[in-house]
């Protein structure tokens, strides 16, 4: 049977998401809802499917955005496309349809960062053969999506999962329980407190945080749809930790984490992770992704503590193949590669000055 590709409208949202949920490479960042969330931050979503004999065999959500300064569109398929990556004929159909849209929209390039381990060299060779070029910056923790993650197979029973953890991790989970830390599912009314603790975390660890409106959007779009959950950690009646998780099909991801400067000695971060794992298991998930960690760490790295925390749960350290760009307009792409780092550095410096001024 021949493949049939077509772009979707909102009427096929459920069918699109169902395909993602059932597919081995389905990802919440390819979901219909994620495209809607990003549409509120300057992106335009496009959804493509490919059918064979009436059955969906491939899907991709493309995000379009005009790049700063140049004002020309780029395409990004976050953790997509969703298909059998070894089926090169099918992948060629997807790429051909995206190229048609790129020509119509005037897009400079398509960026992909697939959920594929770096050990799968055949896919890398295929991407190169189709004209993709590596877009690695050498900063594996600072890409659009993390290149290095810890992923845990949560199909074993809870007793086995606990016994496989590092002794200190298991001890800290039980310590939090003994001290009386309580973990519960959050509601929309908990968002202000979650965001307060998140800001406390970002100021302590010196990284940027999105506006509160973004987290309201995440909650409203994902949690009612069954694609997300907010968790709240309390101690002596006070909110001291919070996390936001994503889920689709049999996969769950820890996305945002927040912890107060107070009561860190009662180890809420360990217990909240364990409760998130238990929640994911209750939904039938087999994979729990702790998300980003830096690559090639030594103990003197400032982020080593994050690495050690996630490693303690005994997940598998996974390196993906990274970011790849398929260039449609080489000259504009050249300009973008030279202007974007300058633009990013200027924006970061302005934000840094504003934050230092507020502290002063």
Protein backbone atom coordinates (compact mmCIF):
# COMPACT_ATOMS: atom_id res chain seq x y z
CA UNK A 1 0.00 0.00 0.00
CA UNK A 2 1.15 3.53 -0.73
CA UNK A 3 1.64 6.05 2.06
CA UNK A 4 -0.78 8.97 2.28
CA UNK A 5 0.36 12.14 4.08
CA UNK A 6 -1.90 14.97 5.18
CA UNK A 7 -2.02 17.93 7.55
CA UNK A 8 -4.66 17.85 10.28
CA UNK A 9 -7.16 20.27 11.74
CA UNK A 10 -8.48 20.25 15.31
CA UNK A 11 -11.17 17.66 14.54
CA UNK A 12 -8.55 14.86 14.63
CA UNK A 13 -6.87 15.87 17.88
CA UNK A 14 -7.93 12.69 19.74
CA UNK A 15 -6.78 10.36 16.97
CA UNK A 16 -3.43 12.14 16.78
CA UNK A 17 -2.85 11.84 20.54
CA UNK A 18 -3.98 8.20 20.65
CA UNK A 19 -1.37 7.31 18.06
CA UNK A 20 1.32 9.01 20.16
CA UNK A 21 0.18 7.24 23.33
CA UNK A 22 0.41 3.81 21.72
CA UNK A 23 3.65 4.32 19.80
CA UNK A 24 6.98 3.25 21.25
CA UNK A 25 8.47 6.67 20.41
CA UNK A 26 5.41 8.72 21.34
CA UNK A 27 6.31 11.79 23.37
CA UNK A 28 4.25 14.38 25.23
CA UNK A 29 6.22 17.15 23.49
CA UNK A 30 4.64 15.94 20.26
CA UNK A 31 1.12 16.03 21.68
CA UNK A 32 -1.62 18.28 20.36
CA UNK A 33 -1.78 20.07 23.70
CA UNK A 34 1.92 20.89 23.66
CA UNK A 35 1.51 22.63 20.35
CA UNK A 36 -1.34 24.68 21.84
CA UNK A 37 0.81 25.65 24.83
CA UNK A 38 3.62 26.79 22.56
CA UNK A 39 1.18 28.74 20.41
CA UNK A 40 0.80 31.11 23.38
CA UNK A 41 4.54 31.83 23.37
CA UNK A 42 5.07 32.80 19.75
CA UNK A 43 5.01 29.41 18.00
CA UNK A 44 2.61 28.21 15.29
CA UNK A 45 1.85 24.44 15.41
CA UNK A 46 1.34 22.20 12.38
CA UNK A 47 0.35 18.53 12.66
CA UNK A 48 1.13 15.96 9.98
CA UNK A 49 0.17 12.29 9.80
CA UNK A 50 1.01 9.53 7.37
CA UNK A 51 -1.43 6.68 6.81
CA UNK A 52 -1.07 3.26 5.24
CA UNK A 53 -4.31 1.51 4.33
CA UNK A 54 -6.20 3.92 6.58
CA UNK A 55 -4.00 3.28 9.63
CA UNK A 56 -1.71 5.93 11.10
CA UNK A 57 1.95 4.94 10.79
CA UNK A 58 3.67 8.28 11.45
CA UNK A 59 2.88 11.61 13.08
CA UNK A 60 4.75 14.84 13.70
CA UNK A 61 3.94 18.13 15.34
CA UNK A 62 5.96 20.94 13.77
CA UNK A 63 6.42 24.22 15.62
CA UNK A 64 7.05 27.31 13.52
CA UNK A 65 8.55 30.51 14.91
CA UNK A 66 10.10 33.64 13.42
CA UNK A 67 13.70 33.99 14.53
CA UNK A 68 14.83 37.22 16.24
CA UNK A 69 16.42 39.97 14.15
CA UNK A 70 15.87 38.23 10.80
CA UNK A 71 12.12 37.69 11.22
CA UNK A 72 12.12 34.51 9.09
CA UNK A 73 10.47 31.20 10.15
CA UNK A 74 12.22 28.11 11.48
CA UNK A 75 10.68 24.67 12.09
CA UNK A 76 11.17 22.51 15.16
CA UNK A 77 9.89 18.97 15.78
CA UNK A 78 10.49 18.53 19.50
CA UNK A 79 11.28 14.83 20.13
CA UNK A 80 9.77 13.98 16.77
CA UNK A 81 8.79 12.75 14.29
CA UNK A 82 6.99 9.77 15.86
CA UNK A 83 7.50 6.76 13.60
CA UNK A 84 9.58 3.65 13.11
CA UNK A 85 12.91 5.37 12.57
CA UNK A 86 14.29 2.32 10.80
CA UNK A 87 11.61 2.59 8.11
CA UNK A 88 13.55 4.97 5.89
CA UNK A 89 10.91 5.00 3.14
CA UNK A 90 8.31 6.23 5.65
CA UNK A 91 10.70 8.82 7.05
CA UNK A 92 11.37 10.07 3.52
CA UNK A 93 7.63 10.65 3.02
CA UNK A 94 7.49 12.69 6.25
CA UNK A 95 10.53 14.77 5.25
CA UNK A 96 9.13 15.41 1.78
CA UNK A 97 5.86 16.75 3.21
CA UNK A 98 7.66 18.97 5.70
CA UNK A 99 9.87 20.32 2.91
CA UNK A 100 6.76 21.29 0.92
CA UNK A 101 5.44 23.23 3.90
CA UNK A 102 8.86 24.80 4.49
CA UNK A 103 8.94 26.06 0.90
CA UNK A 104 5.45 27.51 1.27
CA UNK A 105 6.25 29.20 4.59
CA UNK A 106 9.81 30.24 3.70
CA UNK A 107 11.34 28.29 6.60
CA UNK A 108 15.12 28.37 7.02
CA UNK A 109 15.57 24.91 8.52
CA UNK A 110 13.94 22.02 10.38
CA UNK A 111 15.40 21.07 13.77
CA UNK A 112 14.90 17.59 15.24
CA UNK A 113 16.19 16.11 18.49
CA UNK A 114 14.78 12.57 18.42
CA UNK A 115 14.39 10.26 21.38
CA UNK A 116 17.05 7.96 19.94
CA UNK A 117 20.18 6.78 21.83
CA UNK A 118 23.52 7.85 20.39
CA UNK A 119 24.47 4.17 20.06
CA UNK A 120 22.11 3.85 17.06
CA UNK A 121 24.63 4.97 14.45
CA UNK A 122 22.51 3.86 11.50
CA UNK A 123 20.01 6.64 12.16
CA UNK A 124 22.79 9.19 12.37
CA UNK A 125 24.09 7.98 9.00
CA UNK A 126 20.56 8.24 7.55
CA UNK A 127 20.19 11.83 8.77
CA UNK A 128 23.50 12.80 7.20
CA UNK A 129 22.52 11.09 3.94
CA UNK A 130 19.31 13.15 3.84
CA UNK A 131 21.15 16.43 4.29
CA UNK A 132 20.88 16.92 8.06
CA UNK A 133 23.82 18.46 9.87
CA UNK A 134 24.65 18.19 13.54
CA UNK A 135 23.60 21.28 15.51
CA UNK A 136 25.48 20.35 18.66
CA UNK A 137 26.84 23.26 20.67
CA UNK A 138 29.04 21.23 22.97
CA UNK A 139 26.66 22.13 25.83
CA UNK A 140 24.62 18.96 26.22
CA UNK A 141 22.71 20.35 29.20
CA UNK A 142 21.79 23.57 27.41
CA UNK A 143 20.20 22.30 24.22
CA UNK A 144 16.53 22.83 23.44
CA UNK A 145 15.95 19.38 24.94
CA UNK A 146 18.52 17.58 27.11
CA UNK A 147 20.97 15.28 25.37
CA UNK A 148 21.74 13.33 28.55
CA UNK A 149 19.08 11.89 30.85
CA UNK A 150 18.51 9.21 33.46
CA UNK A 151 15.69 6.81 32.58
CA UNK A 152 14.28 4.20 34.92
CA UNK A 153 12.45 1.01 33.99
CA UNK A 154 9.60 1.06 36.53
CA UNK A 155 7.98 -2.22 35.47
CA UNK A 156 9.44 -4.12 38.51
CA UNK A 157 7.40 -4.02 41.73
CA UNK A 158 7.95 -1.27 44.31
CA UNK A 159 10.05 -3.46 46.60
CA UNK A 160 12.43 -4.27 43.74
CA UNK A 161 12.66 -0.62 42.68
CA UNK A 162 13.55 0.45 46.21
CA UNK A 163 16.11 -2.31 46.68
CA UNK A 164 17.82 -1.35 43.40
CA UNK A 165 18.30 2.27 44.47
CA UNK A 166 21.48 3.59 45.99
CA UNK A 167 21.46 2.97 49.74
CA UNK A 168 21.57 6.71 50.54
CA UNK A 169 18.61 7.41 48.24
CA UNK A 170 16.54 4.69 49.88
CA UNK A 171 17.54 6.03 53.32
CA UNK A 172 16.50 9.58 52.42
CA UNK A 173 13.08 8.44 51.15
CA UNK A 174 12.43 6.68 54.44
CA UNK A 175 13.82 9.60 56.44
CA UNK A 176 11.33 11.97 54.77
CA UNK A 177 8.51 9.56 55.59
CA UNK A 178 9.67 9.22 59.19
CA UNK A 179 9.96 13.00 59.64
CA UNK A 180 6.37 13.44 58.47
CA UNK A 181 6.78 14.91 54.98
CA UNK A 182 3.49 14.59 53.11
CA UNK A 183 3.23 14.34 49.32
CA UNK A 184 -0.08 14.96 47.58
CA UNK A 185 -1.45 15.68 44.14
CA UNK A 186 -1.66 19.39 43.58
CA UNK A 187 -4.65 21.40 42.36
CA UNK A 188 -4.78 24.59 40.35
CA UNK A 189 -5.09 26.48 43.66
CA UNK A 190 -1.62 25.17 44.58
CA UNK A 191 0.05 26.83 41.59
CA UNK A 192 0.93 30.12 43.35
CA UNK A 193 2.71 28.26 46.17
CA UNK A 194 4.44 25.95 43.69
CA UNK A 195 5.66 28.95 41.73
CA UNK A 196 6.83 30.70 44.91
CA UNK A 197 9.00 27.71 45.80
CA UNK A 198 10.14 27.38 42.19
CA UNK A 199 11.36 30.99 42.19
CA UNK A 200 13.15 30.33 45.47
CA UNK A 201 14.87 27.37 43.78
CA UNK A 202 15.91 29.31 40.68
CA UNK A 203 17.34 32.18 42.71
CA UNK A 204 19.32 29.73 44.84
CA UNK A 205 20.64 27.73 41.89
CA UNK A 206 20.96 30.74 39.56
CA UNK A 207 18.93 29.76 36.54
CA UNK A 208 16.06 31.44 34.73
CA UNK A 209 12.38 30.71 35.31
CA UNK A 210 9.42 31.31 33.02
CA UNK A 211 6.54 33.61 33.95
CA UNK A 212 3.77 32.35 36.22
CA UNK A 213 1.32 32.50 33.28
CA UNK A 214 3.31 29.77 31.53
CA UNK A 215 2.78 27.35 34.41
CA UNK A 216 -0.92 28.15 34.53
CA UNK A 217 -1.01 27.31 30.84
CA UNK A 218 0.85 24.04 31.42
CA UNK A 219 -1.55 23.01 34.16
CA UNK A 220 -4.72 24.00 32.32
CA UNK A 221 -3.66 22.33 29.08
CA UNK A 222 -2.06 19.12 30.35
CA UNK A 223 -3.51 18.09 33.72
CA UNK A 224 -7.23 18.00 32.73
CA UNK A 225 -6.21 16.11 29.55
CA UNK A 226 -4.43 13.44 31.61
CA UNK A 227 -1.03 14.45 30.25
CA UNK A 228 0.39 16.02 33.40
CA UNK A 229 0.26 16.14 37.18
CA UNK A 230 1.31 18.58 39.87
CA UNK A 231 2.80 17.22 43.09
CA UNK A 232 3.10 19.15 46.35
CA UNK A 233 5.37 18.35 49.29
CA UNK A 234 4.36 19.64 52.72
CA UNK A 235 5.98 19.66 56.14
CA UNK A 236 4.29 20.93 59.28
CA UNK A 237 1.57 22.47 57.14
CA UNK A 238 3.95 24.39 54.90
CA UNK A 239 4.59 23.82 51.17
CA UNK A 240 8.30 23.05 50.89
CA UNK A 241 8.54 21.25 47.53
CA UNK A 242 6.70 20.80 44.28
CA UNK A 243 7.13 19.04 40.97
CA UNK A 244 5.41 18.93 37.60
CA UNK A 245 5.31 15.67 35.64
CA UNK A 246 4.24 14.86 32.08
CA UNK A 247 2.83 11.53 30.92
CA UNK A 248 1.62 9.92 27.71
CA UNK A 249 0.98 6.25 27.06
CA UNK A 250 3.41 4.17 29.12
CA UNK A 251 6.00 6.94 29.64
CA UNK A 252 6.32 9.64 32.30
CA UNK A 253 8.76 12.56 32.65
CA UNK A 254 9.86 14.63 35.62
CA UNK A 255 9.92 18.15 34.15
CA UNK A 256 10.04 20.89 36.81
CA UNK A 257 11.16 20.60 40.41
CA UNK A 258 11.09 23.14 43.23
CA UNK A 259 12.36 23.00 46.82
CA UNK A 260 12.35 25.60 49.55
CA UNK A 261 15.51 26.79 51.26
CA UNK A 262 13.81 25.78 54.50
CA UNK A 263 13.52 22.20 55.78
CA UNK A 264 15.86 20.73 53.20
CA UNK A 265 17.11 18.39 55.94
CA UNK A 266 13.81 16.46 55.85
CA UNK A 267 14.60 15.35 52.28
CA UNK A 268 11.32 16.17 50.50
CA UNK A 269 12.90 15.90 47.04
CA UNK A 270 13.60 12.20 47.50
CA UNK A 271 10.12 11.34 48.70
CA UNK A 272 8.38 13.39 46.02
CA UNK A 273 10.33 11.56 43.31
CA UNK A 274 9.35 8.22 44.81
CA UNK A 275 5.68 9.23 44.91
CA UNK A 276 5.90 10.36 41.27
CA UNK A 277 7.34 6.97 40.33
CA UNK A 278 4.50 5.23 42.20
CA UNK A 279 1.98 7.48 40.43
CA UNK A 280 3.48 6.63 37.03
CA UNK A 281 3.31 2.91 37.86
CA UNK A 282 -0.35 3.28 38.84
CA UNK A 283 -1.05 4.61 35.34
CA UNK A 284 0.62 1.59 33.75
CA UNK A 285 3.85 3.35 32.80
CA UNK A 286 6.98 1.30 32.23
CA UNK A 287 9.42 4.20 31.77
CA UNK A 288 10.16 7.12 34.10
CA UNK A 289 12.45 9.80 32.72
CA UNK A 290 14.32 12.03 35.19
CA UNK A 291 15.17 14.39 32.32
CA UNK A 292 18.35 16.36 31.93
CA UNK A 293 21.72 15.89 33.50
CA UNK A 294 25.04 17.32 32.31
CA UNK A 295 27.30 15.08 30.26
CA UNK A 296 30.82 13.89 31.11
CA UNK A 297 30.78 15.01 34.73
CA UNK A 298 33.50 15.21 37.33
CA UNK A 299 32.86 15.79 41.02
CA UNK A 300 34.11 19.38 40.85
CA UNK A 301 31.33 20.30 38.40
CA UNK A 302 28.74 22.63 40.04
CA UNK A 303 25.97 20.40 38.66
CA UNK A 304 27.41 17.16 40.02
CA UNK A 305 24.91 17.20 42.89
CA UNK A 306 22.01 17.08 40.41
CA UNK A 307 23.67 14.19 38.60
CA UNK A 308 24.24 12.28 41.86
CA UNK A 309 20.66 12.87 43.03
CA UNK A 310 19.13 11.41 39.86
CA UNK A 311 21.71 8.63 39.61
CA UNK A 312 20.73 7.46 43.08
CA UNK A 313 17.40 6.14 41.81
CA UNK A 314 19.31 3.66 39.61
CA UNK A 315 18.11 4.92 36.26
CA UNK A 316 20.04 4.20 33.09
CA UNK A 317 22.30 7.05 31.96
CA UNK A 318 21.24 7.71 28.38
CA UNK A 319 22.83 9.87 25.70
CA UNK A 320 20.65 10.85 22.74
CA UNK A 321 21.92 11.62 19.24
CA UNK A 322 21.35 15.32 19.89
CA UNK A 323 20.08 18.13 17.70
CA UNK A 324 20.11 17.95 13.90
CA UNK A 325 19.15 20.63 11.38
CA UNK A 326 17.87 20.09 7.85
CA UNK A 327 18.70 23.35 6.08
CA UNK A 328 16.40 24.75 3.40
CA UNK A 329 17.97 28.22 3.04
CA UNK A 330 21.76 27.95 3.56
CA UNK A 331 22.68 31.64 3.49
CA UNK A 332 20.02 32.64 6.04
CA UNK A 333 21.00 29.62 8.15
CA UNK A 334 24.60 30.89 8.12
CA UNK A 335 23.45 34.30 9.35
CA UNK A 336 21.28 32.69 12.04
CA UNK A 337 24.13 30.57 13.38
CA UNK A 338 26.28 33.68 13.77
CA UNK A 339 23.64 36.07 15.09
CA UNK A 340 21.73 33.82 17.48
CA UNK A 341 24.58 33.27 19.99
CA UNK A 342 25.15 37.04 20.14
CA UNK A 343 21.44 37.68 20.62
CA UNK A 344 21.20 35.04 23.38
CA UNK A 345 24.22 36.41 25.22
CA UNK A 346 22.82 39.96 25.12
CA UNK A 347 19.43 38.81 26.43
CA UNK A 348 21.05 36.79 29.23
CA UNK A 349 23.22 39.75 30.22
CA UNK A 350 20.21 42.09 30.36
CA UNK A 351 18.25 39.60 32.48
CA UNK A 352 21.27 39.12 34.74
CA UNK A 353 21.61 42.87 35.29
CA UNK A 354 17.91 43.20 36.11
CA UNK A 355 18.09 40.39 38.65
CA UNK A 356 21.23 41.83 40.27
CA UNK A 357 19.55 45.23 40.44
CA UNK A 358 16.50 43.74 42.21
CA UNK A 359 18.75 42.04 44.76
CA UNK A 360 20.73 45.24 45.31
